[in-house]
């Protein structure tokens, strides 16, 4: 599948919204309007879940019709998410040991739960609070989605489902998410309880959006749905219903416009932010904790916050190029015994 650069850039925007969400309470003098916007940054995770289902369906739905491709799919997904997670967990362990050595035990680092976090199953109902590297809860849920995705592909072929039924199925799933959250005021409420179902449903809806995208629906229809859902959200529809519908319609609209000339999300700089977005997402929380530690202040001045944001950007670039990509290449390298043997050359033949 050819990369949809605008969607890669969207990942970068979403990652930085999560960064601002986590640090908003530590920015001295933050205007109330900005604080209100940053306080909704947790919704970027719902964009991640929808986008993940969308891209993975486009990339894998044909190949996974052959069950023999499932091990390779899982190998690629684990190589994508686990190495950097393990590195950041190692950083958290180092920080925990430093705090313990200086007499400042932190309840955010319970060593008894460390094996669950290492295995990325911490948000499968085994823990009751976010611990260690908080943002990794969504990666734990994504792992569950990856494990179930081959079953989805083998049991349902969205390509054979009529368009009205696809739309109705997506709507029913999003309604089911709203009902499953049982009156929660926001999508970010009680992640331990609702995070996994939130991920699985939105991931599945993302795969339906991909099937719709391949049919090239009219742009005006997807944009209209996005606008109506946004208006409903603004006028009082519950966030748990309106936000996922808004994001789903907006994602499909963005996919349909990707590649158009002068697209604002296809520039080199913003695309780079998307490429390093996983490193940004996984590193920023622990970096914020470590950055504030020697300062001993509840809120930091704007220059210090700017310095922290620059540190996150630099760390994201370093982690992407120094850890994330090399680890993927290493884990996906085929043993020499399994590599194709080049044809033997004969005297007088080229090469």
Protein backbone atom coordinates (compact mmCIF):
# COMPACT_ATOMS: atom_id res chain seq x y z
CA UNK A 1 0.00 0.00 0.00
CA UNK A 2 1.29 3.47 -0.89
CA UNK A 3 1.69 5.61 2.21
CA UNK A 4 -1.03 8.20 2.82
CA UNK A 5 1.30 10.93 4.04
CA UNK A 6 -1.49 13.05 5.52
CA UNK A 7 -2.43 10.21 7.86
CA UNK A 8 1.17 9.82 8.98
CA UNK A 9 1.23 13.55 9.76
CA UNK A 10 -2.03 13.17 11.67
CA UNK A 11 -0.26 10.76 14.01
CA UNK A 12 2.29 13.43 14.77
CA UNK A 13 -0.36 16.02 15.61
CA UNK A 14 -2.16 13.52 17.82
CA UNK A 15 1.03 12.63 19.70
CA UNK A 16 1.77 16.27 20.51
CA UNK A 17 -1.80 16.81 21.70
CA UNK A 18 -1.21 14.00 24.20
CA UNK A 19 2.04 15.68 25.29
CA UNK A 20 0.20 18.96 25.93
CA UNK A 21 -2.54 17.11 27.76
CA UNK A 22 -0.09 15.59 30.22
CA UNK A 23 1.88 18.76 30.93
CA UNK A 24 -0.95 21.30 30.98
CA UNK A 25 -1.13 21.42 34.79
CA UNK A 26 2.57 22.17 35.02
CA UNK A 27 2.65 25.26 32.78
CA UNK A 28 2.71 28.47 34.78
CA UNK A 29 0.34 31.16 33.52
CA UNK A 30 -1.37 28.97 30.94
CA UNK A 31 -4.44 30.88 29.66
CA UNK A 32 -7.76 29.20 30.52
CA UNK A 33 -8.70 28.85 26.85
CA UNK A 34 -5.47 27.01 26.08
CA UNK A 35 -5.87 24.85 29.18
CA UNK A 36 -9.39 23.90 28.05
CA UNK A 37 -8.05 22.81 24.64
CA UNK A 38 -5.11 20.91 26.12
CA UNK A 39 -7.45 19.18 28.59
CA UNK A 40 -9.09 17.37 25.68
CA UNK A 41 -5.78 15.99 24.43
CA UNK A 42 -6.64 12.50 25.69
CA UNK A 43 -9.03 12.23 22.75
CA UNK A 44 -6.04 11.96 20.44
CA UNK A 45 -5.76 8.35 21.61
CA UNK A 46 -9.13 7.64 19.97
CA UNK A 47 -7.71 9.03 16.74
CA UNK A 48 -4.79 6.61 17.14
CA UNK A 49 -7.12 3.63 17.57
CA UNK A 50 -9.24 4.51 14.52
CA UNK A 51 -6.16 5.30 12.43
CA UNK A 52 -4.47 2.05 13.43
CA UNK A 53 -7.44 -0.05 12.30
CA UNK A 54 -7.65 1.96 9.08
CA UNK A 55 -4.00 1.62 8.08
CA UNK A 56 -3.59 -1.99 9.17
CA UNK A 57 -6.67 -3.07 7.22
CA UNK A 58 -5.40 -1.34 4.08
CA UNK A 59 -1.97 -2.92 4.49
CA UNK A 60 -2.87 -6.46 5.57
CA UNK A 61 -6.43 -7.43 4.66
CA UNK A 62 -5.36 -9.14 1.42
CA UNK A 63 -2.28 -10.90 2.79
CA UNK A 64 -4.00 -12.29 5.88
CA UNK A 65 -6.50 -14.21 3.78
CA UNK A 66 -3.68 -16.75 3.83
CA UNK A 67 -3.36 -17.93 7.46
CA UNK A 68 0.32 -18.64 6.82
CA UNK A 69 0.90 -14.87 6.80
CA UNK A 70 -0.37 -14.44 10.38
CA UNK A 71 2.97 -15.15 12.13
CA UNK A 72 4.71 -12.58 9.93
CA UNK A 73 2.00 -10.02 10.65
CA UNK A 74 2.33 -10.52 14.40
CA UNK A 75 6.12 -10.47 14.17
CA UNK A 76 5.99 -7.10 12.39
CA UNK A 77 3.53 -5.60 14.86
CA UNK A 78 5.53 -6.72 17.91
CA UNK A 79 8.75 -5.47 16.30
CA UNK A 80 6.96 -2.15 15.80
CA UNK A 81 5.73 -1.59 19.35
CA UNK A 82 7.70 -3.67 21.86
CA UNK A 83 11.40 -2.66 21.59
CA UNK A 84 10.83 1.04 22.24
CA UNK A 85 8.34 0.18 24.97
CA UNK A 86 10.98 -2.00 26.63
CA UNK A 87 13.56 0.80 26.42
CA UNK A 88 11.19 3.32 28.00
CA UNK A 89 10.27 0.80 30.68
CA UNK A 90 13.98 0.43 31.37
CA UNK A 91 14.20 4.20 31.77
CA UNK A 92 11.30 4.06 34.23
CA UNK A 93 13.07 1.34 36.24
CA UNK A 94 16.23 3.47 36.37
CA UNK A 95 14.19 6.45 37.57
CA UNK A 96 12.43 4.31 40.18
CA UNK A 97 15.74 2.97 41.50
CA UNK A 98 17.15 6.50 41.65
CA UNK A 99 14.17 7.68 43.66
CA UNK A 100 14.37 4.68 45.96
CA UNK A 101 18.10 5.23 46.53
CA UNK A 102 17.41 8.82 47.57
CA UNK A 103 14.57 7.87 49.91
CA UNK A 104 11.77 8.99 47.62
CA UNK A 105 9.80 5.87 46.75
CA UNK A 106 7.19 6.65 44.11
CA UNK A 107 3.92 4.64 44.09
CA UNK A 108 3.84 5.12 40.30
CA UNK A 109 6.55 2.44 40.05
CA UNK A 110 5.23 -0.79 41.62
CA UNK A 111 7.84 -3.47 40.94
CA UNK A 112 5.29 -6.25 41.54
CA UNK A 113 3.44 -5.13 38.38
CA UNK A 114 6.54 -4.80 36.24
CA UNK A 115 6.15 -8.21 34.49
CA UNK A 116 2.65 -7.23 33.32
CA UNK A 117 3.99 -4.02 31.84
CA UNK A 118 6.93 -5.77 30.23
CA UNK A 119 4.53 -8.20 28.54
CA UNK A 120 2.24 -5.29 27.53
CA UNK A 121 -0.83 -6.85 29.12
CA UNK A 122 -1.23 -4.32 31.94
CA UNK A 123 -4.49 -2.90 30.62
CA UNK A 124 -6.19 -6.24 30.01
CA UNK A 125 -7.90 -6.08 33.39
CA UNK A 126 -4.85 -7.05 35.46
CA UNK A 127 -4.21 -3.64 37.06
CA UNK A 128 -6.46 -1.04 38.63
CA UNK A 129 -4.47 2.15 37.91
CA UNK A 130 -2.02 3.49 35.36
CA UNK A 131 1.55 2.90 36.48
CA UNK A 132 5.15 2.97 35.21
CA UNK A 133 4.88 4.70 31.81
CA UNK A 134 1.25 5.81 31.79
CA UNK A 135 0.73 6.25 28.00
CA UNK A 136 1.71 2.61 27.42
CA UNK A 137 -1.79 1.58 28.50
CA UNK A 138 -2.98 2.24 24.94
CA UNK A 139 -0.11 0.19 23.48
CA UNK A 140 -1.23 -2.69 25.70
CA UNK A 141 -4.72 -2.38 24.19
CA UNK A 142 -3.31 -2.10 20.66
CA UNK A 143 -1.47 -5.39 21.20
CA UNK A 144 -4.82 -7.04 21.98
CA UNK A 145 -6.24 -5.56 18.77
CA UNK A 146 -3.30 -6.91 16.76
CA UNK A 147 -3.79 -10.39 18.18
CA UNK A 148 -7.48 -10.34 17.28
CA UNK A 149 -7.12 -8.69 13.88
CA UNK A 150 -6.35 -11.90 11.93
CA UNK A 151 -9.58 -13.38 13.30
CA UNK A 152 -11.47 -10.34 12.06
CA UNK A 153 -9.98 -10.66 8.58
CA UNK A 154 -10.63 -14.40 8.36
CA UNK A 155 -14.19 -14.18 9.65
CA UNK A 156 -15.39 -10.97 7.95
CA UNK A 157 -14.50 -9.74 4.48
CA UNK A 158 -15.63 -6.12 4.48
CA UNK A 159 -15.08 -6.05 0.70
CA UNK A 160 -18.13 -8.28 0.22
CA UNK A 161 -20.40 -6.28 2.52
CA UNK A 162 -22.73 -3.71 0.88
CA UNK A 163 -21.90 -0.10 1.68
CA UNK A 164 -25.12 0.63 3.65
CA UNK A 165 -24.42 -2.41 5.84
CA UNK A 166 -20.83 -1.28 6.42
CA UNK A 167 -22.02 2.17 7.51
CA UNK A 168 -24.70 0.65 9.74
CA UNK A 169 -22.15 -1.72 11.30
CA UNK A 170 -19.75 1.14 12.06
CA UNK A 171 -22.60 3.18 13.57
CA UNK A 172 -23.74 0.20 15.67
CA UNK A 173 -20.22 -0.37 16.97
CA UNK A 174 -19.82 3.28 17.98
CA UNK A 175 -23.22 3.21 19.66
CA UNK A 176 -22.14 0.03 21.48
CA UNK A 177 -19.04 1.86 22.71
CA UNK A 178 -21.20 4.67 24.07
CA UNK A 179 -23.49 2.19 25.82
CA UNK A 180 -20.56 0.13 27.13
CA UNK A 181 -19.12 3.21 28.80
CA UNK A 182 -22.28 3.26 30.88
CA UNK A 183 -22.83 6.97 31.30
CA UNK A 184 -19.17 7.99 31.56
CA UNK A 185 -18.83 11.72 31.00
CA UNK A 186 -15.71 11.45 28.82
CA UNK A 187 -13.90 8.87 26.72
CA UNK A 188 -10.90 9.22 29.01
CA UNK A 189 -12.78 8.14 32.11
CA UNK A 190 -11.74 4.99 33.99
CA UNK A 191 -9.16 3.73 31.48
CA UNK A 192 -8.60 0.55 33.46
CA UNK A 193 -12.23 -0.41 32.94
CA UNK A 194 -13.04 1.02 29.51
CA UNK A 195 -9.70 1.39 27.74
CA UNK A 196 -9.60 -2.05 26.15
CA UNK A 197 -13.14 -2.00 24.78
CA UNK A 198 -12.55 1.58 23.60
CA UNK A 199 -9.54 0.40 21.60
CA UNK A 200 -11.06 -2.78 20.17
CA UNK A 201 -14.25 -1.09 18.97
CA UNK A 202 -12.51 1.92 17.46
CA UNK A 203 -9.89 -0.30 15.82
CA UNK A 204 -12.68 -2.36 14.23
CA UNK A 205 -14.43 0.81 13.05
CA UNK A 206 -11.13 1.96 11.57
CA UNK A 207 -11.00 -1.22 9.51
CA UNK A 208 -14.52 -0.52 8.20
CA UNK A 209 -13.48 3.02 7.30
CA UNK A 210 -10.63 1.52 5.26
CA UNK A 211 -13.08 -0.68 3.36
CA UNK A 212 -15.25 2.38 2.68
CA UNK A 213 -12.21 4.38 1.60
CA UNK A 214 -11.41 1.78 -1.07
CA UNK A 215 -14.85 2.41 -2.54
CA UNK A 216 -14.08 6.14 -2.83
CA UNK A 217 -17.27 7.59 -1.33
CA UNK A 218 -18.20 11.16 -2.20
CA UNK A 219 -16.12 13.61 -0.21
CA UNK A 220 -19.08 15.88 0.44
CA UNK A 221 -20.90 13.08 2.26
CA UNK A 222 -18.06 12.24 4.62
CA UNK A 223 -17.39 15.94 5.29
CA UNK A 224 -21.09 16.51 6.00
CA UNK A 225 -21.19 13.67 8.53
CA UNK A 226 -18.08 15.06 10.23
CA UNK A 227 -19.64 18.52 10.39
CA UNK A 228 -22.97 17.28 11.74
CA UNK A 229 -21.28 15.14 14.38
CA UNK A 230 -19.11 18.07 15.45
CA UNK A 231 -22.20 20.29 15.70
CA UNK A 232 -24.01 17.66 17.74
CA UNK A 233 -21.05 17.35 20.07
CA UNK A 234 -20.89 21.13 20.50
CA UNK A 235 -24.60 21.32 21.30
CA UNK A 236 -24.68 18.65 23.96
CA UNK A 237 -24.42 15.15 22.51
CA UNK A 238 -22.37 12.95 24.87
CA UNK A 239 -18.66 12.90 24.10
CA UNK A 240 -18.63 9.11 24.24
CA UNK A 241 -20.94 9.08 21.21
CA UNK A 242 -20.20 12.28 19.31
CA UNK A 243 -16.40 12.31 19.48
CA UNK A 244 -15.79 8.88 17.90
CA UNK A 245 -18.32 9.60 15.14
CA UNK A 246 -16.66 12.96 14.47
CA UNK A 247 -13.18 11.43 14.36
CA UNK A 248 -14.29 8.52 12.17
CA UNK A 249 -15.91 10.77 9.56
CA UNK A 250 -12.99 13.22 9.69
CA UNK A 251 -10.47 10.39 9.24
CA UNK A 252 -12.28 9.08 6.17
CA UNK A 253 -12.46 12.62 4.79
CA UNK A 254 -8.76 13.14 5.38
CA UNK A 255 -7.93 9.82 3.71
CA UNK A 256 -9.92 10.83 0.63
CA UNK A 257 -8.09 14.15 0.36
CA UNK A 258 -4.60 12.70 0.94
CA UNK A 259 -2.28 13.29 -1.98
CA UNK A 260 -4.06 16.39 -3.26
CA UNK A 261 -1.72 19.22 -4.35
CA UNK A 262 -0.64 21.58 -1.55
CA UNK A 263 -2.20 19.44 1.15
CA UNK A 264 -1.32 21.08 4.51
CA UNK A 265 -0.51 17.72 6.14
CA UNK A 266 1.93 16.51 3.51
CA UNK A 267 4.87 18.83 4.09
CA UNK A 268 8.23 17.35 5.10
CA UNK A 269 8.35 18.81 8.62
CA UNK A 270 4.90 17.71 9.73
CA UNK A 271 5.37 14.31 8.06
CA UNK A 272 8.56 13.88 10.07
CA UNK A 273 6.60 14.52 13.27
CA UNK A 274 4.32 11.67 12.21
CA UNK A 275 7.21 9.31 11.57
CA UNK A 276 8.64 9.88 15.05
CA UNK A 277 5.23 10.08 16.75
CA UNK A 278 5.50 6.70 18.49
CA UNK A 279 8.75 7.80 20.12
CA UNK A 280 7.14 11.10 21.11
CA UNK A 281 4.14 9.33 22.58
CA UNK A 282 6.11 6.81 24.62
CA UNK A 283 8.91 9.08 25.83
CA UNK A 284 7.25 12.35 26.79
CA UNK A 285 5.60 11.25 30.04
CA UNK A 286 8.76 9.91 31.69
CA UNK A 287 10.80 12.81 30.33
CA UNK A 288 8.36 15.24 31.95
CA UNK A 289 8.64 13.41 35.25
CA UNK A 290 12.44 13.39 35.09
CA UNK A 291 12.61 17.00 33.83
CA UNK A 292 10.60 18.35 36.76
CA UNK A 293 12.39 16.26 39.39
CA UNK A 294 15.38 18.55 40.07
CA UNK A 295 13.29 21.71 39.72
CA UNK A 296 10.95 20.90 42.62
CA UNK A 297 8.26 23.28 41.35
CA UNK A 298 4.58 22.50 40.76
CA UNK A 299 4.48 24.68 37.61
CA UNK A 300 7.26 25.66 35.20
CA UNK A 301 7.79 28.95 33.39
CA UNK A 302 7.15 29.09 29.64
CA UNK A 303 10.91 29.11 28.81
CA UNK A 304 11.40 25.91 30.81
CA UNK A 305 8.37 24.34 29.16
CA UNK A 306 9.79 25.29 25.75
CA UNK A 307 13.08 23.65 26.76
CA UNK A 308 11.21 20.49 27.76
CA UNK A 309 9.32 20.41 24.45
CA UNK A 310 12.60 20.77 22.57
CA UNK A 311 13.98 17.89 24.65
CA UNK A 312 11.00 15.72 23.69
CA UNK A 313 11.53 16.51 20.01
CA UNK A 314 15.26 15.72 20.22
CA UNK A 315 14.62 12.53 22.19
CA UNK A 316 11.95 11.44 19.69
CA UNK A 317 14.36 11.83 16.79
CA UNK A 318 17.13 10.00 18.66
CA UNK A 319 14.85 7.16 19.76
CA UNK A 320 13.33 6.75 16.31
CA UNK A 321 16.66 6.61 14.50
CA UNK A 322 18.72 5.00 17.25
CA UNK A 323 16.31 2.49 18.80
CA UNK A 324 12.99 2.11 17.03
CA UNK A 325 14.10 1.59 13.43
CA UNK A 326 17.26 -0.44 14.15
CA UNK A 327 15.32 -2.72 16.52
CA UNK A 328 12.69 -3.34 13.86
CA UNK A 329 15.35 -4.23 11.30
CA UNK A 330 17.04 -6.55 13.77
CA UNK A 331 13.86 -8.36 14.79
CA UNK A 332 12.65 -8.72 11.22
CA UNK A 333 15.96 -9.94 9.83
CA UNK A 334 15.59 -13.38 8.31
CA UNK A 335 18.05 -16.05 9.43
CA UNK A 336 20.68 -16.78 6.81
CA UNK A 337 19.35 -20.30 6.41
CA UNK A 338 15.97 -18.89 5.32
CA UNK A 339 17.25 -16.30 2.88
CA UNK A 340 16.88 -17.05 -0.82
CA UNK A 341 20.00 -18.59 -2.33
CA UNK A 342 21.25 -16.55 -5.30
CA UNK A 343 21.47 -18.53 -8.53
CA UNK A 344 24.90 -19.99 -9.26
CA UNK A 345 26.85 -18.27 -11.98
CA UNK A 346 28.51 -20.22 -14.78
CA UNK A 347 31.69 -19.47 -16.66
CA UNK A 348 30.99 -16.82 -19.20
CA UNK A 349 27.69 -15.75 -17.63
CA UNK A 350 27.24 -12.16 -16.43
CA UNK A 351 27.73 -11.47 -12.72
